[in-house]
C-alpha atoms as a PDB file:
ATOM      1  CA  MET A   1     137.929  50.698 171.333  1.00  0.00           C
ATOM      2  CA  THR A   2     141.433  48.457 170.246  1.00  0.00           C
ATOM      3  CA  HIS A   3     144.738  49.316 169.406  1.00  0.00           C
ATOM      4  CA  TYR A   4     146.619  46.790 167.860  1.00  0.00           C
ATOM      5  CA  HIS A   5     150.391  46.477 166.268  1.00  0.00           C
ATOM      6  CA  VAL A   6     150.531  46.001 161.842  1.00  0.00           C
ATOM      7  CA  LEU A   7     154.201  46.198 160.583  1.00  0.00           C
ATOM      8  CA  LEU A   8     154.191  47.790 157.401  1.00  0.00           C
ATOM      9  CA  ALA A   9     156.686  47.264 154.321  1.00  0.00           C
ATOM     10  CA  LEU A  10     157.257  50.913 152.421  1.00  0.00           C
ATOM     11  CA  PRO A  11     159.283  50.292 148.915  1.00  0.00           C
ATOM     12  CA  ALA A  12     162.507  51.200 148.242  1.00  0.00           C
ATOM     13  CA  ASP A  13     161.600  54.689 147.008  1.00  0.00           C
ATOM     14  CA  VAL A  14     159.932  55.907 150.425  1.00  0.00           C
ATOM     15  CA  GLU A  15     161.922  58.828 151.966  1.00  0.00           C
ATOM     16  CA  LEU A  16     161.770  58.839 155.189  1.00  0.00           C
ATOM     17  CA  THR A  17     161.710  62.471 156.373  1.00  0.00           C
ATOM     18  CA  ASP A  18     158.097  63.272 157.859  1.00  0.00           C
ATOM     19  CA  GLU A  19     155.814  64.336 155.254  1.00  0.00           C
ATOM     20  CA  PRO A  20     156.903  62.053 152.247  1.00  0.00           C
ATOM     21  CA  LEU A  21     156.903  58.644 155.223  1.00  0.00           C
ATOM     22  CA  HIS A  22     153.259  59.197 156.181  1.00  0.00           C
ATOM     23  CA  ALA A  23     152.031  60.016 152.715  1.00  0.00           C
ATOM     24  CA  ALA A  24     153.379  56.997 152.309  1.00  0.00           C
ATOM     25  CA  ILE A  25     151.898  55.283 155.588  1.00  0.00           C
ATOM     26  CA  ALA A  26     148.474  57.117 154.234  1.00  0.00           C
ATOM     27  CA  SER A  27     148.124  55.486 150.998  1.00  0.00           C
ATOM     28  CA  ALA A  28     149.664  51.949 152.010  1.00  0.00           C
ATOM     29  CA  LEU A  29     146.696  51.738 154.636  1.00  0.00           C
ATOM     30  CA  ALA A  30     143.876  53.333 152.476  1.00  0.00           C
ATOM     31  CA  PRO A  31     142.380  50.117 151.227  1.00  0.00           C
ATOM     32  CA  TYR A  32     142.097  49.036 154.672  1.00  0.00           C
ATOM     33  CA  ASN A  33     141.041  51.784 156.439  1.00  0.00           C
ATOM     34  CA  LYS A  34     137.508  52.238 157.476  1.00  0.00           C
ATOM     35  CA  ILE A  35     136.730  55.626 156.311  1.00  0.00           C
ATOM     36  CA  THR A  36     137.969  55.001 152.796  1.00  0.00           C
ATOM     37  CA  PRO A  37     134.453  55.918 151.180  1.00  0.00           C
ATOM     38  CA  ILE A  38     134.468  52.626 148.784  1.00  0.00           C
ATOM     39  CA  GLU A  39     131.009  51.487 148.861  1.00  0.00           C
ATOM     40  CA  ARG A  40     127.651  53.365 149.256  1.00  0.00           C
ATOM     41  CA  ILE A  41     125.000  51.705 151.961  1.00  0.00           C
ATOM     42  CA  VAL A  42     121.735  52.978 152.411  1.00  0.00           C
ATOM     43  CA  GLU A  43     120.022  51.953 155.350  1.00  0.00           C
ATOM     44  CA  ASP A  44     116.208  53.080 156.644  1.00  0.00           C
ATOM     45  CA  GLY A  45     116.444  56.008 153.842  1.00  0.00           C
ATOM     46  CA  VAL A  46     120.130  57.415 154.937  1.00  0.00           C
ATOM     47  CA  GLU A  47     122.937  57.250 152.628  1.00  0.00           C
ATOM     48  CA  ARG A  48     126.507  56.355 153.690  1.00  0.00           C
ATOM     49  CA  TRP A  49     129.612  55.450 152.287  1.00  0.00           C
ATOM     50  CA  GLU A  50     132.232  52.920 153.747  1.00  0.00           C
ATOM     51  CA  ASN A  51     135.045  50.539 153.251  1.00  0.00           C
ATOM     52  CA  PRO A  52     133.913  46.713 153.623  1.00  0.00           C
ATOM     53  CA  VAL A  53     137.118  45.788 153.929  1.00  0.00           C
ATOM     54  CA  GLY A  54     138.092  48.569 156.649  1.00  0.00           C
ATOM     55  CA  LYS A  55     140.040  46.932 159.200  1.00  0.00           C
ATOM     56  CA  LEU A  56     141.942  50.563 161.116  1.00  0.00           C
ATOM     57  CA  ASP A  57     140.345  54.115 161.396  1.00  0.00           C
ATOM     58  CA  ARG A  58     143.820  55.184 162.915  1.00  0.00           C
ATOM     59  CA  PHE A  59     147.070  54.924 162.575  1.00  0.00           C
ATOM     60  CA  ARG A  60     150.237  56.439 164.586  1.00  0.00           C
ATOM     61  CA  ILE A  61     153.703  55.514 164.251  1.00  0.00           C
ATOM     62  CA  GLY A  62     155.166  53.303 167.066  1.00  0.00           C
ATOM     63  CA  GLY A  63     152.939  54.712 169.773  1.00  0.00           C
ATOM     64  CA  TYR A  64     152.843  54.172 173.927  1.00  0.00           C
ATOM     65  CA  GLU A  65     152.473  50.320 173.553  1.00  0.00           C
ATOM     66  CA  PHE A  66     154.172  49.696 170.217  1.00  0.00           C
ATOM     67  CA  GLY A  67     156.909  52.200 170.256  1.00  0.00           C
ATOM     68  CA  SER A  68     160.472  51.362 169.909  1.00  0.00           C
ATOM     69  CA  TYR A  69     159.666  47.911 168.579  1.00  0.00           C
ATOM     70  CA  LEU A  70     162.387  46.964 166.101  1.00  0.00           C
ATOM     71  CA  PRO A  71     165.846  46.560 166.968  1.00  0.00           C
ATOM     72  CA  LEU A  72     168.728  48.453 165.463  1.00  0.00           C
ATOM     73  CA  ARG A  73     172.345  47.287 164.020  1.00  0.00           C
ATOM     74  CA  ALA A  74     175.424  48.211 165.187  1.00  0.00           C
ATOM     75  CA  GLY A  75     176.207  51.852 162.994  1.00  0.00           C
ATOM     76  CA  ALA A  76     173.115  51.941 161.750  1.00  0.00           C
ATOM     77  CA  ALA A  77     172.516  55.186 159.256  1.00  0.00           C
ATOM     78  CA  ALA A  78     170.588  58.012 161.266  1.00  0.00           C
ATOM     79  CA  ALA A  79     168.921  58.426 157.986  1.00  0.00           C
ATOM     80  CA  ASP A  80     167.917  54.856 157.671  1.00  0.00           C
ATOM     81  CA  VAL A  81     166.293  54.959 161.148  1.00  0.00           C
ATOM     82  CA  ILE A  82     162.353  55.612 161.912  1.00  0.00           C
ATOM     83  CA  ARG A  83     161.304  56.756 165.244  1.00  0.00           C
ATOM     84  CA  GLY A  84     157.199  58.145 165.732  1.00  0.00           C
ATOM     85  CA  ALA A  85     157.054  61.139 168.326  1.00  0.00           C
ATOM     86  CA  ILE A  86     156.082  58.747 171.225  1.00  0.00           C
ATOM     87  CA  GLY A  87     156.749  55.445 172.876  1.00  0.00           C
ATOM     88  CA  TYR A  88     157.288  54.430 176.432  1.00  0.00           C
ATOM     89  CA  HIS A  89     160.833  52.054 175.226  1.00  0.00           C
ATOM     90  CA  ARG A  90     163.369  55.116 174.145  1.00  0.00           C
ATOM     91  CA  ASP A  91     166.034  52.566 173.640  1.00  0.00           C
ATOM     92  CA  PRO A  92     168.855  53.751 171.642  1.00  0.00           C
ATOM     93  CA  THR A  93     169.325  50.290 170.621  1.00  0.00           C
ATOM     94  CA  TYR A  94     165.747  50.429 169.212  1.00  0.00           C
ATOM     95  CA  SER A  95     163.829  52.485 166.888  1.00  0.00           C
ATOM     96  CA  ASP A  96     160.048  52.379 165.054  1.00  0.00           C
ATOM     97  CA  GLY A  97     161.229  51.369 162.097  1.00  0.00           C
ATOM     98  CA  GLY A  98     163.842  52.352 159.242  1.00  0.00           C
ATOM     99  CA  ARG A  99     165.587  50.921 155.826  1.00  0.00           C
ATOM    100  CA  VAL A 100     165.756  46.616 156.808  1.00  0.00           C
ATOM    101  CA  ARG A 101     169.595  46.933 156.511  1.00  0.00           C
ATOM    102  CA  ALA A 102     169.713  48.763 159.228  1.00  0.00           C
ATOM    103  CA  LEU A 103     167.617  46.492 161.551  1.00  0.00           C
ATOM    104  CA  ASP A 104     168.718  43.408 163.285  1.00  0.00           C
ATOM    105  CA  PHE A 105     165.663  40.993 163.168  1.00  0.00           C
ATOM    106  CA  GLU A 106     167.475  37.812 164.606  1.00  0.00           C
ATOM    107  CA  ARG A 107     168.746  40.181 168.362  1.00  0.00           C
ATOM    108  CA  LYS A 108     165.093  40.600 168.809  1.00  0.00           C
ATOM    109  CA  ARG A 109     164.589  36.542 167.877  1.00  0.00           C
ATOM    110  CA  ALA A 110     167.209  35.600 170.606  1.00  0.00           C
ATOM    111  CA  GLU A 111     166.754  38.261 172.953  1.00  0.00           C
ATOM    112  CA  LEU A 112     162.912  36.845 173.292  1.00  0.00           C
ATOM    113  CA  ALA A 113     163.471  33.481 172.537  1.00  0.00           C
ATOM    114  CA  GLU A 114     166.441  33.705 175.818  1.00  0.00           C
ATOM    115  CA  GLU A 115     163.230  35.286 178.382  1.00  0.00           C
ATOM    116  CA  ALA A 116     160.828  32.577 177.139  1.00  0.00           C
ATOM    117  CA  GLY A 117     162.708  29.539 178.997  1.00  0.00           C
ATOM    118  CA  PRO A 118     162.248  31.725 182.034  1.00  0.00           C
ATOM    119  CA  ASP A 119     158.905  32.724 181.929  1.00  0.00           C
ATOM    120  CA  TRP A 120     157.778  29.462 181.068  1.00  0.00           C
ATOM    121  CA  ASP A 121     159.508  27.726 183.838  1.00  0.00           C
ATOM    122  CA  GLU A 122     158.223  29.987 186.265  1.00  0.00           C
ATOM    123  CA  TYR A 123     154.086  29.668 184.419  1.00  0.00           C
ATOM    124  CA  ASN A 124     154.292  26.277 185.150  1.00  0.00           C
ATOM    125  CA  THR A 125     155.568  26.408 188.656  1.00  0.00           C
ATOM    126  CA  VAL A 126     152.954  28.342 189.091  1.00  0.00           C
ATOM    127  CA  ILE A 127     150.394  26.359 187.896  1.00  0.00           C
ATOM    128  CA  ALA A 128     151.983  22.686 189.089  1.00  0.00           C
ATOM    129  CA  GLY A 129     148.822  20.675 190.675  1.00  0.00           C
ATOM    130  CA  THR A 130     146.274  22.546 189.527  1.00  0.00           C
ATOM    131  CA  PRO A 131     143.510  20.444 186.931  1.00  0.00           C
ATOM    132  CA  PRO A 132     143.311  21.640 183.856  1.00  0.00           C
ATOM    133  CA  HIS A 133     141.002  25.121 183.215  1.00  0.00           C
ATOM    134  CA  ARG A 134     137.929  25.783 180.927  1.00  0.00           C
ATOM    135  CA  THR A 135     138.294  29.134 178.467  1.00  0.00           C
ATOM    136  CA  LEU A 136     136.705  31.887 179.276  1.00  0.00           C
ATOM    137  CA  ASP A 137     134.645  31.368 175.747  1.00  0.00           C
ATOM    138  CA  GLU A 138     133.198  28.644 177.036  1.00  0.00           C
ATOM    139  CA  PHE A 139     131.484  30.320 180.330  1.00  0.00           C
ATOM    140  CA  LEU A 140     130.391  33.511 177.993  1.00  0.00           C
ATOM    141  CA  ASN A 141     128.682  31.113 175.714  1.00  0.00           C
ATOM    142  CA  ARG A 142     126.797  30.135 177.843  1.00  0.00           C
ATOM    143  CA  PRO A 143     123.030  31.626 177.528  1.00  0.00           C
ATOM    144  CA  GLU A 144     121.810  30.938 181.669  1.00  0.00           C
ATOM    145  CA  TYR A 145     125.203  33.420 182.908  1.00  0.00           C
ATOM    146  CA  THR A 146     125.805  37.190 182.459  1.00  0.00           C
ATOM    147  CA  PRO A 147     129.385  38.489 181.691  1.00  0.00           C
ATOM    148  CA  ALA A 148     129.570  39.171 184.841  1.00  0.00           C
ATOM    149  CA  GLN A 149     128.794  35.630 185.853  1.00  0.00           C
ATOM    150  CA  ALA A 150     131.445  34.284 183.411  1.00  0.00           C
ATOM    151  CA  HIS A 151     134.033  36.002 184.115  1.00  0.00           C
ATOM    152  CA  ARG A 152     133.564  34.885 187.858  1.00  0.00           C
ATOM    153  CA  GLU A 153     132.878  30.856 187.185  1.00  0.00           C
ATOM    154  CA  TYR A 154     136.122  31.647 185.352  1.00  0.00           C
ATOM    155  CA  ARG A 155     138.308  33.423 187.235  1.00  0.00           C
ATOM    156  CA  ALA A 156     137.136  30.464 190.192  1.00  0.00           C
ATOM    157  CA  GLN A 157     138.800  27.922 188.853  1.00  0.00           C
ATOM    158  CA  PRO A 158     142.260  26.773 191.069  1.00  0.00           C
ATOM    159  CA  ARG A 159     145.088  26.985 187.772  1.00  0.00           C
ATOM    160  CA  VAL A 160     143.068  30.378 187.157  1.00  0.00           C
ATOM    161  CA  ALA A 161     142.906  31.200 190.936  1.00  0.00           C
ATOM    162  CA  ALA A 162     146.732  30.679 190.931  1.00  0.00           C
ATOM    163  CA  ILE A 163     147.925  32.437 187.959  1.00  0.00           C
ATOM    164  CA  HIS A 164     145.920  35.843 188.620  1.00  0.00           C
ATOM    165  CA  SER A 165     147.002  35.792 192.050  1.00  0.00           C
ATOM    166  CA  HIS A 166     150.770  35.728 191.305  1.00  0.00           C
ATOM    167  CA  ARG A 167     151.502  38.910 192.218  1.00  0.00           C
ATOM    168  CA  PRO A 168     154.127  39.157 189.049  1.00  0.00           C
ATOM    169  CA  TYR A 169     151.401  38.726 186.912  1.00  0.00           C
ATOM    170  CA  GLN A 170     148.767  41.068 187.794  1.00  0.00           C
ATOM    171  CA  GLY A 171     149.284  44.040 185.575  1.00  0.00           C
ATOM    172  CA  GLN A 172     148.835  41.575 182.692  1.00  0.00           C
ATOM    173  CA  LEU A 173     144.706  43.285 183.269  1.00  0.00           C
ATOM    174  CA  LEU A 174     146.360  46.025 182.235  1.00  0.00           C
ATOM    175  CA  VAL A 175     147.142  44.426 178.669  1.00  0.00           C
ATOM    176  CA  GLY A 176     144.054  42.075 178.215  1.00  0.00           C
ATOM    177  CA  LEU A 177     145.939  39.113 177.966  1.00  0.00           C
ATOM    178  CA  TRP A 178     147.385  36.688 181.541  1.00  0.00           C
ATOM    179  CA  PRO A 179     149.647  33.657 180.878  1.00  0.00           C
ATOM    180  CA  GLU A 180     147.227  31.384 180.103  1.00  0.00           C
ATOM    181  CA  ASP A 181     146.300  32.937 177.230  1.00  0.00           C
ATOM    182  CA  ILE A 182     149.865  33.426 176.729  1.00  0.00           C
ATOM    183  CA  ILE A 183     151.884  30.212 177.098  1.00  0.00           C
ATOM    184  CA  GLY A 184     148.433  27.664 178.106  1.00  0.00           C
ATOM    185  CA  ASP A 185     149.275  23.937 177.219  1.00  0.00           C
ATOM    186  CA  LEU A 186     152.405  24.697 174.920  1.00  0.00           C
ATOM    187  CA  ASP A 187     155.199  22.939 175.994  1.00  0.00           C
ATOM    188  CA  ARG A 188     158.524  24.615 176.764  1.00  0.00           C
ATOM    189  CA  ASP A 189     160.159  24.266 173.331  1.00  0.00           C
ATOM    190  CA  THR A 190     157.215  25.131 171.362  1.00  0.00           C
ATOM    191  CA  TYR A 191     156.769  28.409 173.474  1.00  0.00           C
ATOM    192  CA  ILE A 192     160.472  29.407 173.204  1.00  0.00           C
ATOM    193  CA  GLN A 193     159.886  29.076 169.490  1.00  0.00           C
ATOM    194  CA  GLN A 194     157.010  30.698 169.070  1.00  0.00           C
ATOM    195  CA  CYS A 195     158.115  33.858 170.796  1.00  0.00           C
ATOM    196  CA  ARG A 196     160.657  33.302 168.617  1.00  0.00           C
ATOM    197  CA  ASP A 197     158.691  33.539 165.481  1.00  0.00           C
ATOM    198  CA  GLY A 198     156.747  36.748 167.310  1.00  0.00           C
ATOM    199  CA  ALA A 199     159.443  39.083 167.797  1.00  0.00           C
ATOM    200  CA  ILE A 200     158.957  40.901 164.423  1.00  0.00           C
ATOM    201  CA  PRO A 201     155.520  40.985 163.048  1.00  0.00           C
ATOM    202  CA  GLY A 202     152.709  42.500 164.308  1.00  0.00           C
ATOM    203  CA  TRP A 203     149.408  40.906 164.779  1.00  0.00           C
ATOM    204  CA  ALA A 204     149.242  42.004 160.802  1.00  0.00           C
ATOM    205  CA  THR A 205     151.633  42.536 158.039  1.00  0.00           C
ATOM    206  CA  LEU A 206     151.048  44.748 155.160  1.00  0.00           C
ATOM    207  CA  THR A 207     153.388  43.666 152.328  1.00  0.00           C
ATOM    208  CA  HIS A 208     154.699  46.401 149.929  1.00  0.00           C
ATOM    209  CA  ASP A 209     152.365  45.716 147.719  1.00  0.00           C
ATOM    210  CA  GLY A 210     148.919  45.483 149.492  1.00  0.00           C
ATOM    211  CA  ARG A 211     148.924  42.050 150.959  1.00  0.00           C
ATOM    212  CA  TRP A 212     147.104  42.179 154.353  1.00  0.00           C
ATOM    213  CA  LEU A 213     148.797  38.854 156.273  1.00  0.00           C
ATOM    214  CA  ALA A 214     146.990  38.387 159.830  1.00  0.00           C
ATOM    215  CA  PRO A 215     145.734  35.323 162.090  1.00  0.00           C
ATOM    216  CA  ALA A 216     142.656  35.748 161.387  1.00  0.00           C
ATOM    217  CA  SER A 217     139.596  37.164 159.313  1.00  0.00           C
ATOM    218  CA  THR A 218     139.139  39.932 161.487  1.00  0.00           C
ATOM    219  CA  SER A 219     141.503  43.016 162.419  1.00  0.00           C
ATOM    220  CA  GLY A 220     143.516  43.139 165.444  1.00  0.00           C
ATOM    221  CA  PRO A 221     143.509  40.137 167.994  1.00  0.00           C
ATOM    222  CA  GLY A 222     140.934  38.334 169.262  1.00  0.00           C
ATOM    223  CA  ASP A 223     139.920  35.503 167.446  1.00  0.00           C
ATOM    224  CA  GLU A 224     142.928  33.939 166.024  1.00  0.00           C
ATOM    225  CA  THR A 225     143.541  29.985 166.435  1.00  0.00           C
ATOM    226  CA  PRO A 226     146.886  28.556 167.871  1.00  0.00           C
ATOM    227  CA  GLU A 227     146.574  27.000 163.966  1.00  0.00           C
ATOM    228  CA  SER A 228     145.847  30.078 162.695  1.00  0.00           C
ATOM    229  CA  PHE A 229     148.916  32.337 164.472  1.00  0.00           C
ATOM    230  CA  ASP A 230     151.323  29.470 163.893  1.00  0.00           C
ATOM    231  CA  THR A 231     150.424  30.228 160.001  1.00  0.00           C
ATOM    232  CA  TYR A 232     150.314  33.555 160.037  1.00  0.00           C
ATOM    233  CA  LEU A 233     153.753  34.013 161.473  1.00  0.00           C
ATOM    234  CA  ALA A 234     155.565  31.191 158.951  1.00  0.00           C
ATOM    235  CA  GLU A 235     154.029  33.643 156.180  1.00  0.00           C
ATOM    236  CA  ALA A 236     154.727  36.900 157.493  1.00  0.00           C
ATOM    237  CA  ASN A 237     158.345  35.900 158.582  1.00  0.00           C
ATOM    238  CA  ALA A 238     159.163  34.254 154.923  1.00  0.00           C
ATOM    239  CA  TYR A 239     158.413  37.536 153.622  1.00  0.00           C
ATOM    240  CA  LEU A 240     160.382  39.700 156.167  1.00  0.00           C
ATOM    241  CA  ASP A 241     163.445  37.741 156.293  1.00  0.00           C
ATOM    242  CA  ALA A 242     163.685  37.762 152.051  1.00  0.00           C
ATOM    243  CA  LEU A 243     163.456  41.858 152.048  1.00  0.00           C
ATOM    244  CA  PRO A 244     165.873  43.668 149.941  1.00  0.00           C
ATOM    245  CA  GLY A 245     168.012  46.374 152.410  1.00  0.00           C
ATOM    246  CA  ASP A 246     166.659  49.213 151.101  1.00  0.00           C
ATOM    247  CA  MET A 247     163.108  48.516 151.287  1.00  0.00           C
ATOM    248  CA  SER A 248     161.999  49.795 154.961  1.00  0.00           C
ATOM    249  CA  LEU A 249     159.823  48.695 157.835  1.00  0.00           C
ATOM    250  CA  VAL A 250     157.419  50.593 159.954  1.00  0.00           C
ATOM    251  CA  ALA A 251     155.683  49.441 163.313  1.00  0.00           C
ATOM    252  CA  LEU A 252     152.218  51.623 163.720  1.00  0.00           C
ATOM    253  CA  ASP A 253     149.555  51.724 166.593  1.00  0.00           C
ATOM    254  CA  CYS A 254     146.144  51.306 164.558  1.00  0.00           C
ATOM    255  CA  HIS A 255     143.241  52.017 166.006  1.00  0.00           C
ATOM    256  CA  VAL A 256     139.790  50.621 165.212  1.00  0.00           C
END
């Protein structure tokens, strides 16, 4: 079970009231919904229908992890704002989406860039004096290792051990990403820019004309490379920054 964040763009004629909004979201996601019956498959005499390009099986607006994801401009009209039913972050100056004219992309980009510098400094203080580590995949791909052995050997590396024992990082296990996965060996300026670039796009961005923009061929995070992620962010941000003010964006928690 995986939850991941998709940022969906909707045409200007979509009403932001409950029923029309949910209908528009479901319609936009239908080509990528795994339960949309597109292709007939017969295996061992059993027939089933599936979607060969399916990337999700359900969604909700905002959600626990992605609630209140998009910042609002001062004075944004209530009719231009989308708020889902669930979300941890209930800052009234943030939303789950809305008309582009109501959203303040630059504010969130600046906030994350400002946080990134101290985060990079802390990480590099923690790993100071430790040798570079090998990735978890290198251990998992060893045929002689069980998954448990691979994880144990990975965590035993001096750099990884230092990171995972640093108390402020302990909660990272809950989201499945540790600082070595996020910061890695990036230099300070590159990391700050990456945080800025990643402030608005989700793990995937679905355009108003049905294009699924993502850093990898899979539905959510996991298989992207640094190069594919940078390419995705550049494409997604160029698209988002060019949207007219009467179109809408909505942050979705998708499940696959």
